[in-house]
Amino acid sequence: MSPLNHLRPLYLLNVDEPDPRSIVLVVRTDDAGVTTGEIKLPKWEELPPGFDGPHEIDTAIKLADSYAEAYGYRAIAIDIESSQLWRGEWGELQR
């Protein structure tokens, strides 16, 4: 297996309506401080109900990464309320 197979995708801060061809990770934090992620794939790659989340953020990121690898995506659009909520341990958020 080549080393390129182990590269994480780029996490791109999404400030506009995401491209309908994108893999999107919607990150939200509730009133109790729990951060979750919901995955949105392009229409032709729709997930069965329950697979899209919301999941605990660590699980959601791993799932989004695996979908990006499986479908050949180099980046995931991140839809987050504020870029300040993104944590460094999740990966580097590109602006």
PDB file of N, CA and C in Angstrom:
ATOM      1  N   MET A   1       0.861  -1.181   0.000  1.00  0.00           N
ATOM      2  CA  MET A   1       0.000   0.000   0.000  1.00  0.00           C
ATOM      3  C   MET A   1       0.898   1.233   0.000  1.00  0.00           C
ATOM      4  N   SER A   2       0.603   2.190  -0.842  1.00  0.00           N
ATOM      5  CA  SER A   2       1.449   3.372  -0.929  1.00  0.00           C
ATOM      6  C   SER A   2       1.189   4.312   0.237  1.00  0.00           C
ATOM      7  N   PRO A   3       2.191   5.133   0.595  1.00  0.00           N
ATOM      8  CA  PRO A   3       2.006   6.080   1.696  1.00  0.00           C
ATOM      9  C   PRO A   3       0.889   7.077   1.426  1.00  0.00           C
ATOM     10  N   LEU A   4       0.581   7.327   0.150  1.00  0.00           N
ATOM     11  CA  LEU A   4      -0.487   8.285  -0.165  1.00  0.00           C
ATOM     12  C   LEU A   4      -1.839   7.797   0.334  1.00  0.00           C
ATOM     13  N   ASN A   5      -2.008   6.491   0.474  1.00  0.00           N
ATOM     14  CA  ASN A   5      -3.286   5.966   0.946  1.00  0.00           C
ATOM     15  C   ASN A   5      -3.565   6.331   2.395  1.00  0.00           C
ATOM     16  N   HIS A   6      -2.537   6.750   3.116  1.00  0.00           N
ATOM     17  CA  HIS A   6      -2.709   7.055   4.534  1.00  0.00           C
ATOM     18  C   HIS A   6      -2.815   8.549   4.811  1.00  0.00           C
ATOM     19  N   LEU A   7      -2.805   9.370   3.775  1.00  0.00           N
ATOM     20  CA  LEU A   7      -2.941  10.810   3.978  1.00  0.00           C
ATOM     21  C   LEU A   7      -4.374  11.137   4.358  1.00  0.00           C
ATOM     22  N   ARG A   8      -4.506  12.011   5.325  1.00  0.00           N
ATOM     23  CA  ARG A   8      -5.847  12.470   5.684  1.00  0.00           C
ATOM     24  C   ARG A   8      -6.296  13.482   4.648  1.00  0.00           C
ATOM     25  N   PRO A   9      -7.590  13.574   4.416  1.00  0.00           N
ATOM     26  CA  PRO A   9      -8.072  14.606   3.498  1.00  0.00           C
ATOM     27  C   PRO A   9      -7.890  15.987   4.117  1.00  0.00           C
ATOM     28  N   LEU A  10      -7.954  16.990   3.281  1.00  0.00           N
ATOM     29  CA  LEU A  10      -7.949  18.371   3.764  1.00  0.00           C
ATOM     30  C   LEU A  10      -9.306  18.662   4.373  1.00  0.00           C
ATOM     31  N   TYR A  11      -9.321  19.457   5.424  1.00  0.00           N
ATOM     32  CA  TYR A  11     -10.575  19.916   6.019  1.00  0.00           C
ATOM     33  C   TYR A  11     -10.709  21.385   5.651  1.00  0.00           C
ATOM     34  N   LEU A  12     -11.658  21.689   4.777  1.00  0.00           N
ATOM     35  CA  LEU A  12     -11.818  23.038   4.248  1.00  0.00           C
ATOM     36  C   LEU A  12     -12.997  23.732   4.910  1.00  0.00           C
ATOM     37  N   LEU A  13     -12.715  24.856   5.561  1.00  0.00           N
ATOM     38  CA  LEU A  13     -13.786  25.641   6.169  1.00  0.00           C
ATOM     39  C   LEU A  13     -14.741  26.079   5.075  1.00  0.00           C
ATOM     40  N   ASN A  14     -15.989  25.766   5.242  1.00  0.00           N
ATOM     41  CA  ASN A  14     -17.009  26.079   4.255  1.00  0.00           C
ATOM     42  C   ASN A  14     -17.797  27.292   4.733  1.00  0.00           C
ATOM     43  N   VAL A  15     -17.703  28.393   3.993  1.00  0.00           N
ATOM     44  CA  VAL A  15     -18.417  29.600   4.401  1.00  0.00           C
ATOM     45  C   VAL A  15     -19.627  29.878   3.512  1.00  0.00           C
ATOM     46  N   ASP A  16     -19.696  29.228   2.379  1.00  0.00           N
ATOM     47  CA  ASP A  16     -20.825  29.384   1.462  1.00  0.00           C
ATOM     48  C   ASP A  16     -21.599  28.073   1.407  1.00  0.00           C
ATOM     49  N   GLU A  17     -22.618  28.045   0.578  1.00  0.00           N
ATOM     50  CA  GLU A  17     -23.349  26.801   0.340  1.00  0.00           C
ATOM     51  C   GLU A  17     -22.376  25.797  -0.262  1.00  0.00           C
ATOM     52  N   PRO A  18     -22.259  24.604   0.344  1.00  0.00           N
ATOM     53  CA  PRO A  18     -21.290  23.647  -0.181  1.00  0.00           C
ATOM     54  C   PRO A  18     -21.634  23.189  -1.598  1.00  0.00           C
ATOM     55  N   ASP A  19     -20.608  22.895  -2.346  1.00  0.00           N
ATOM     56  CA  ASP A  19     -20.772  22.345  -3.684  1.00  0.00           C
ATOM     57  C   ASP A  19     -21.539  21.033  -3.554  1.00  0.00           C
ATOM     58  N   PRO A  20     -22.557  20.803  -4.372  1.00  0.00           N
ATOM     59  CA  PRO A  20     -23.353  19.578  -4.239  1.00  0.00           C
ATOM     60  C   PRO A  20     -22.553  18.304  -4.512  1.00  0.00           C
ATOM     61  N   ARG A  21     -21.350  18.449  -5.043  1.00  0.00           N
ATOM     62  CA  ARG A  21     -20.498  17.284  -5.296  1.00  0.00           C
ATOM     63  C   ARG A  21     -19.563  16.993  -4.127  1.00  0.00           C
ATOM     64  N   SER A  22     -19.619  17.795  -3.071  1.00  0.00           N
ATOM     65  CA  SER A  22     -18.702  17.688  -1.936  1.00  0.00           C
ATOM     66  C   SER A  22     -19.154  16.673  -0.909  1.00  0.00           C
ATOM     67  N   ILE A  23     -18.172  16.172  -0.167  1.00  0.00           N
ATOM     68  CA  ILE A  23     -18.456  15.499   1.097  1.00  0.00           C
ATOM     69  C   ILE A  23     -18.428  16.611   2.138  1.00  0.00           C
ATOM     70  N   VAL A  24     -19.490  16.710   2.915  1.00  0.00           N
ATOM     71  CA  VAL A  24     -19.612  17.786   3.900  1.00  0.00           C
ATOM     72  C   VAL A  24     -19.741  17.163   5.291  1.00  0.00           C
ATOM     73  N   LEU A  25     -19.004  17.720   6.237  1.00  0.00           N
ATOM     74  CA  LEU A  25     -19.147  17.343   7.641  1.00  0.00           C
ATOM     75  C   LEU A  25     -19.740  18.544   8.364  1.00  0.00           C
ATOM     76  N   VAL A  26     -20.967  18.390   8.843  1.00  0.00           N
ATOM     77  CA  VAL A  26     -21.663  19.448   9.570  1.00  0.00           C
ATOM     78  C   VAL A  26     -21.353  19.253  11.053  1.00  0.00           C
ATOM     79  N   VAL A  27     -20.645  20.215  11.635  1.00  0.00           N
ATOM     80  CA  VAL A  27     -20.207  20.124  13.026  1.00  0.00           C
ATOM     81  C   VAL A  27     -21.052  21.085  13.856  1.00  0.00           C
ATOM     82  N   ARG A  28     -21.671  20.553  14.897  1.00  0.00           N
ATOM     83  CA  ARG A  28     -22.503  21.369  15.772  1.00  0.00           C
ATOM     84  C   ARG A  28     -22.208  21.026  17.226  1.00  0.00           C
ATOM     85  N   THR A  29     -22.341  22.019  18.095  1.00  0.00           N
ATOM     86  CA  THR A  29     -22.190  21.824  19.537  1.00  0.00           C
ATOM     87  C   THR A  29     -23.514  22.209  20.189  1.00  0.00           C
ATOM     88  N   ASP A  30     -24.059  21.297  21.001  1.00  0.00           N
ATOM     89  CA  ASP A  30     -25.353  21.581  21.623  1.00  0.00           C
ATOM     90  C   ASP A  30     -25.181  22.377  22.912  1.00  0.00           C
ATOM     91  N   ASP A  31     -26.286  22.697  23.549  1.00  0.00           N
ATOM     92  CA  ASP A  31     -26.263  23.513  24.764  1.00  0.00           C
ATOM     93  C   ASP A  31     -25.484  22.856  25.903  1.00  0.00           C
ATOM     94  N   ALA A  32     -25.390  21.535  25.884  1.00  0.00           N
ATOM     95  CA  ALA A  32     -24.655  20.810  26.925  1.00  0.00           C
ATOM     96  C   ALA A  32     -23.159  20.727  26.616  1.00  0.00           C
ATOM     97  N   GLY A  33     -22.742  21.302  25.477  1.00  0.00           N
ATOM     98  CA  GLY A  33     -21.332  21.297  25.113  1.00  0.00           C
ATOM     99  C   GLY A  33     -20.873  20.055  24.367  1.00  0.00           C
ATOM    100  N   VAL A  34     -21.822  19.215  23.934  1.00  0.00           N
ATOM    101  CA  VAL A  34     -21.482  18.001  23.186  1.00  0.00           C
ATOM    102  C   VAL A  34     -21.376  18.349  21.704  1.00  0.00           C
ATOM    103  N   THR A  35     -20.231  18.030  21.120  1.00  0.00           N
ATOM    104  CA  THR A  35     -20.003  18.316  19.702  1.00  0.00           C
ATOM    105  C   THR A  35     -20.253  17.050  18.891  1.00  0.00           C
ATOM    106  N   THR A  36     -21.059  17.196  17.846  1.00  0.00           N
ATOM    107  CA  THR A  36     -21.390  16.075  16.977  1.00  0.00           C
ATOM    108  C   THR A  36     -21.111  16.449  15.527  1.00  0.00           C
ATOM    109  N   GLY A  37     -21.076  15.436  14.693  1.00  0.00           N
ATOM    110  CA  GLY A  37     -20.878  15.659  13.268  1.00  0.00           C
ATOM    111  C   GLY A  37     -21.878  14.861  12.462  1.00  0.00           C
ATOM    112  N   GLU A  38     -22.386  15.471  11.409  1.00  0.00           N
ATOM    113  CA  GLU A  38     -23.303  14.811  10.494  1.00  0.00           C
ATOM    114  C   GLU A  38     -22.680  14.843   9.104  1.00  0.00           C
ATOM    115  N   ILE A  39     -22.665  13.706   8.436  1.00  0.00           N
ATOM    116  CA  ILE A  39     -22.023  13.588   7.140  1.00  0.00           C
ATOM    117  C   ILE A  39     -23.058  13.732   6.042  1.00  0.00           C
ATOM    118  N   LYS A  40     -22.715  14.541   5.038  1.00  0.00           N
ATOM    119  CA  LYS A  40     -23.566  14.704   3.863  1.00  0.00           C
ATOM    120  C   LYS A  40     -22.720  14.379   2.636  1.00  0.00           C
ATOM    121  N   LEU A  41     -23.176  13.382   1.904  1.00  0.00           N
ATOM    122  CA  LEU A  41     -22.490  12.983   0.674  1.00  0.00           C
ATOM    123  C   LEU A  41     -23.238  13.543  -0.525  1.00  0.00           C
ATOM    124  N   PRO A  42     -22.592  13.569  -1.691  1.00  0.00           N
ATOM    125  CA  PRO A  42     -23.312  13.982  -2.897  1.00  0.00           C
ATOM    126  C   PRO A  42     -24.555  13.117  -3.091  1.00  0.00           C
ATOM    127  N   LYS A  43     -25.554  13.666  -3.761  1.00  0.00           N
ATOM    128  CA  LYS A  43     -26.846  12.984  -3.928  1.00  0.00           C
ATOM    129  C   LYS A  43     -26.691  11.558  -4.464  1.00  0.00           C
ATOM    130  N   TRP A  44     -25.740  11.345  -5.372  1.00  0.00           N
ATOM    131  CA  TRP A  44     -25.590  10.013  -5.965  1.00  0.00           C
ATOM    132  C   TRP A  44     -24.904   9.019  -5.027  1.00  0.00           C
ATOM    133  N   GLU A  45     -24.449   9.477  -3.860  1.00  0.00           N
ATOM    134  CA  GLU A  45     -23.802   8.609  -2.875  1.00  0.00           C
ATOM    135  C   GLU A  45     -24.541   8.675  -1.537  1.00  0.00           C
ATOM    136  N   GLU A  46     -25.851   8.822  -1.569  1.00  0.00           N
ATOM    137  CA  GLU A  46     -26.609   9.015  -0.330  1.00  0.00           C
ATOM    138  C   GLU A  46     -26.404   7.878   0.659  1.00  0.00           C
ATOM    139  N   LEU A  47     -26.332   8.245   1.917  1.00  0.00           N
ATOM    140  CA  LEU A  47     -26.176   7.272   2.994  1.00  0.00           C
ATOM    141  C   LEU A  47     -27.538   6.784   3.455  1.00  0.00           C
ATOM    142  N   PRO A  48     -27.623   5.525   3.851  1.00  0.00           N
ATOM    143  CA  PRO A  48     -28.872   5.042   4.433  1.00  0.00           C
ATOM    144  C   PRO A  48     -29.162   5.798   5.729  1.00  0.00           C
ATOM    145  N   PRO A  49     -30.430   5.943   6.102  1.00  0.00           N
ATOM    146  CA  PRO A  49     -30.772   6.637   7.343  1.00  0.00           C
ATOM    147  C   PRO A  49     -30.005   6.056   8.534  1.00  0.00           C
ATOM    148  N   GLY A  50     -29.527   6.943   9.391  1.00  0.00           N
ATOM    149  CA  GLY A  50     -28.796   6.530  10.574  1.00  0.00           C
ATOM    150  C   GLY A  50     -27.293   6.464  10.373  1.00  0.00           C
ATOM    151  N   PHE A  51     -26.842   6.290   9.143  1.00  0.00           N
ATOM    152  CA  PHE A  51     -25.411   6.229   8.873  1.00  0.00           C
ATOM    153  C   PHE A  51     -24.800   7.623   8.800  1.00  0.00           C
ATOM    154  N   ASP A  52     -25.633   8.628   8.526  1.00  0.00           N
ATOM    155  CA  ASP A  52     -25.122   9.983   8.350  1.00  0.00           C
ATOM    156  C   ASP A  52     -24.923  10.721   9.667  1.00  0.00           C
ATOM    157  N   GLY A  53     -25.520  10.237  10.731  1.00  0.00           N
ATOM    158  CA  GLY A  53     -25.335  10.875  12.024  1.00  0.00           C
ATOM    159  C   GLY A  53     -26.587  11.609  12.463  1.00  0.00           C
ATOM    160  N   PRO A  54     -26.459  12.439  13.459  1.00  0.00           N
ATOM    161  CA  PRO A  54     -25.189  12.912  14.004  1.00  0.00           C
ATOM    162  C   PRO A  54     -24.493  11.847  14.853  1.00  0.00           C
ATOM    163  N   HIS A  55     -23.159  11.874  14.780  1.00  0.00           N
ATOM    164  CA  HIS A  55     -22.292  10.980  15.530  1.00  0.00           C
ATOM    165  C   HIS A  55     -21.430  11.819  16.453  1.00  0.00           C
ATOM    166  N   GLU A  56     -20.838  11.180  17.480  1.00  0.00           N
ATOM    167  CA  GLU A  56     -19.821  11.876  18.264  1.00  0.00           C
ATOM    168  C   GLU A  56     -18.770  12.355  17.269  1.00  0.00           C
ATOM    169  N   ILE A  57     -18.172  13.493  17.522  1.00  0.00           N
ATOM    170  CA  ILE A  57     -17.309  14.131  16.539  1.00  0.00           C
ATOM    171  C   ILE A  57     -16.145  13.243  16.110  1.00  0.00           C
ATOM    172  N   ASP A  58     -15.526  12.523  17.027  1.00  0.00           N
ATOM    173  CA  ASP A  58     -14.403  11.660  16.641  1.00  0.00           C
ATOM    174  C   ASP A  58     -14.852  10.582  15.649  1.00  0.00           C
ATOM    175  N   THR A  59     -16.002  10.001  15.896  1.00  0.00           N
ATOM    176  CA  THR A  59     -16.556   8.994  14.989  1.00  0.00           C
ATOM    177  C   THR A  59     -16.906   9.620  13.652  1.00  0.00           C
ATOM    178  N   ALA A  60     -17.531  10.795  13.679  1.00  0.00           N
ATOM    179  CA  ALA A  60     -17.933  11.471  12.441  1.00  0.00           C
ATOM    180  C   ALA A  60     -16.720  11.802  11.565  1.00  0.00           C
ATOM    181  N   ILE A  61     -15.645  12.252  12.177  1.00  0.00           N
ATOM    182  CA  ILE A  61     -14.441  12.590  11.412  1.00  0.00           C
ATOM    183  C   ILE A  61     -13.852  11.330  10.782  1.00  0.00           C
ATOM    184  N   LYS A  62     -13.782  10.246  11.541  1.00  0.00           N
ATOM    185  CA  LYS A  62     -13.255   8.982  10.997  1.00  0.00           C
ATOM    186  C   LYS A  62     -14.117   8.486   9.845  1.00  0.00           C
ATOM    187  N   LEU A  63     -15.430   8.578   9.983  1.00  0.00           N
ATOM    188  CA  LEU A  63     -16.324   8.154   8.907  1.00  0.00           C
ATOM    189  C   LEU A  63     -16.157   9.038   7.670  1.00  0.00           C
ATOM    190  N   ALA A  64     -16.113  10.350   7.882  1.00  0.00           N
ATOM    191  CA  ALA A  64     -15.930  11.267   6.744  1.00  0.00           C
ATOM    192  C   ALA A  64     -14.611  10.976   6.037  1.00  0.00           C
ATOM    193  N   ASP A  65     -13.547  10.734   6.808  1.00  0.00           N
ATOM    194  CA  ASP A  65     -12.253  10.382   6.225  1.00  0.00           C
ATOM    195  C   ASP A  65     -12.361   9.107   5.393  1.00  0.00           C
ATOM    196  N   SER A  66     -13.070   8.112   5.922  1.00  0.00           N
ATOM    197  CA  SER A  66     -13.176   6.837   5.200  1.00  0.00           C
ATOM    198  C   SER A  66     -13.989   6.995   3.915  1.00  0.00           C
ATOM    199  N   TYR A  67     -15.035   7.825   3.932  1.00  0.00           N
ATOM    200  CA  TYR A  67     -15.799   8.074   2.709  1.00  0.00           C
ATOM    201  C   TYR A  67     -14.944   8.823   1.692  1.00  0.00           C
ATOM    202  N   ALA A  68     -14.171   9.789   2.170  1.00  0.00           N
ATOM    203  CA  ALA A  68     -13.296  10.544   1.263  1.00  0.00           C
ATOM    204  C   ALA A  68     -12.307   9.595   0.584  1.00  0.00           C
ATOM    205  N   GLU A  69     -11.725   8.693   1.346  1.00  0.00           N
ATOM    206  CA  GLU A  69     -10.770   7.740   0.762  1.00  0.00           C
ATOM    207  C   GLU A  69     -11.482   6.800  -0.214  1.00  0.00           C
ATOM    208  N   ALA A  70     -12.630   6.273   0.187  1.00  0.00           N
ATOM    209  CA  ALA A  70     -13.354   5.309  -0.648  1.00  0.00           C
ATOM    210  C   ALA A  70     -13.801   5.918  -1.979  1.00  0.00           C
ATOM    211  N   TYR A  71     -14.191   7.185  -1.968  1.00  0.00           N
ATOM    212  CA  TYR A  71     -14.708   7.826  -3.173  1.00  0.00           C
ATOM    213  C   TYR A  71     -13.672   8.692  -3.885  1.00  0.00           C
ATOM    214  N   GLY A  72     -12.440   8.710  -3.382  1.00  0.00           N
ATOM    215  CA  GLY A  72     -11.370   9.434  -4.061  1.00  0.00           C
ATOM    216  C   GLY A  72     -11.381  10.941  -3.856  1.00  0.00           C
ATOM    217  N   TYR A  73     -11.917  11.400  -2.744  1.00  0.00           N
ATOM    218  CA  TYR A  73     -11.940  12.838  -2.444  1.00  0.00           C
ATOM    219  C   TYR A  73     -10.670  13.224  -1.690  1.00  0.00           C
ATOM    220  N   ARG A  74     -10.127  14.377  -2.015  1.00  0.00           N
ATOM    221  CA  ARG A  74      -8.936  14.867  -1.316  1.00  0.00           C
ATOM    222  C   ARG A  74      -9.290  15.876  -0.225  1.00  0.00           C
ATOM    223  N   ALA A  75     -10.569  16.278  -0.158  1.00  0.00           N
ATOM    224  CA  ALA A  75     -10.964  17.297   0.818  1.00  0.00           C
ATOM    225  C   ALA A  75     -12.391  17.036   1.300  1.00  0.00           C
ATOM    226  N   ILE A  76     -12.656  17.520   2.507  1.00  0.00           N
ATOM    227  CA  ILE A  76     -13.983  17.473   3.110  1.00  0.00           C
ATOM    228  C   ILE A  76     -14.350  18.899   3.473  1.00  0.00           C
ATOM    229  N   ALA A  77     -15.529  19.338   3.046  1.00  0.00           N
ATOM    230  CA  ALA A  77     -16.022  20.671   3.406  1.00  0.00           C
ATOM    231  C   ALA A  77     -16.542  20.616   4.836  1.00  0.00           C
ATOM    232  N   ILE A  78     -16.090  21.540   5.661  1.00  0.00           N
ATOM    233  CA  ILE A  78     -16.511  21.587   7.059  1.00  0.00           C
ATOM    234  C   ILE A  78     -17.501  22.739   7.237  1.00  0.00           C
ATOM    235  N   ASP A  79     -18.713  22.387   7.632  1.00  0.00           N
ATOM    236  CA  ASP A  79     -19.764  23.362   7.926  1.00  0.00           C
ATOM    237  C   ASP A  79     -19.841  23.441   9.447  1.00  0.00           C
ATOM    238  N   ILE A  80     -19.324  24.528  10.009  1.00  0.00           N
ATOM    239  CA  ILE A  80     -19.253  24.686  11.460  1.00  0.00           C
ATOM    240  C   ILE A  80     -19.745  26.084  11.814  1.00  0.00           C
ATOM    241  N   GLU A  81     -20.383  26.193  12.967  1.00  0.00           N
ATOM    242  CA  GLU A  81     -20.949  27.487  13.374  1.00  0.00           C
ATOM    243  C   GLU A  81     -19.882  28.565  13.468  1.00  0.00           C
ATOM    244  N   SER A  82     -18.720  28.222  13.980  1.00  0.00           N
ATOM    245  CA  SER A  82     -17.608  29.164  14.103  1.00  0.00           C
ATOM    246  C   SER A  82     -16.316  28.375  13.990  1.00  0.00           C
ATOM    247  N   SER A  83     -15.380  28.874  13.206  1.00  0.00           N
ATOM    248  CA  SER A  83     -14.104  28.169  13.059  1.00  0.00           C
ATOM    249  C   SER A  83     -13.370  28.059  14.399  1.00  0.00           C
ATOM    250  N   GLN A  84     -13.708  28.922  15.351  1.00  0.00           N
ATOM    251  CA  GLN A  84     -13.077  28.872  16.670  1.00  0.00           C
ATOM    252  C   GLN A  84     -13.486  27.624  17.458  1.00  0.00           C
ATOM    253  N   LEU A  85     -14.559  26.953  17.041  1.00  0.00           N
ATOM    254  CA  LEU A  85     -15.001  25.735  17.709  1.00  0.00           C
ATOM    255  C   LEU A  85     -14.216  24.502  17.259  1.00  0.00           C
ATOM    256  N   TRP A  86     -13.488  24.616  16.144  1.00  0.00           N
ATOM    257  CA  TRP A  86     -12.707  23.496  15.620  1.00  0.00           C
ATOM    258  C   TRP A  86     -11.508  23.257  16.529  1.00  0.00           C
ATOM    259  N   ARG A  87     -11.235  22.005  16.848  1.00  0.00           N
ATOM    260  CA  ARG A  87     -10.119  21.660  17.733  1.00  0.00           C
ATOM    261  C   ARG A  87      -8.969  21.088  16.913  1.00  0.00           C
ATOM    262  N   GLY A  88      -7.765  21.462  17.274  1.00  0.00           N
ATOM    263  CA  GLY A  88      -6.576  21.028  16.567  1.00  0.00           C
ATOM    264  C   GLY A  88      -6.415  19.519  16.498  1.00  0.00           C
ATOM    265  N   GLU A  89      -6.877  18.800  17.517  1.00  0.00           N
ATOM    266  CA  GLU A  89      -6.726  17.342  17.507  1.00  0.00           C
ATOM    267  C   GLU A  89      -7.588  16.659  16.447  1.00  0.00           C
ATOM    268  N   TRP A  90      -8.548  17.389  15.878  1.00  0.00           N
ATOM    269  CA  TRP A  90      -9.382  16.832  14.814  1.00  0.00           C
ATOM    270  C   TRP A  90      -8.669  16.897  13.468  1.00  0.00           C
ATOM    271  N   GLY A  91      -7.661  17.715  13.362  1.00  0.00           N
ATOM    272  CA  GLY A  91      -6.945  17.930  12.105  1.00  0.00           C
ATOM    273  C   GLY A  91      -6.829  19.421  11.856  1.00  0.00           C
ATOM    274  N   GLU A  92      -6.096  19.774  10.816  1.00  0.00           N
ATOM    275  CA  GLU A  92      -5.902  21.187  10.490  1.00  0.00           C
ATOM    276  C   GLU A  92      -7.048  21.682   9.622  1.00  0.00           C
ATOM    277  N   LEU A  93      -7.697  22.746  10.062  1.00  0.00           N
ATOM    278  CA  LEU A  93      -8.789  23.344   9.308  1.00  0.00           C
ATOM    279  C   LEU A  93      -8.226  24.410   8.376  1.00  0.00           C
ATOM    280  N   GLN A  94      -8.371  24.180   7.075  1.00  0.00           N
ATOM    281  CA  GLN A  94      -7.897  25.127   6.055  1.00  0.00           C
ATOM    282  C   GLN A  94      -8.983  26.178   5.801  1.00  0.00           C
ATOM    283  N   ARG A  95      -8.545  27.398   5.637  1.00  0.00           N
ATOM    284  CA  ARG A  95      -9.506  28.473   5.371  1.00  0.00           C
ATOM    285  C   ARG A  95      -9.457  28.896   3.944  1.00  0.00           C
TER     286      ARG A  95
END
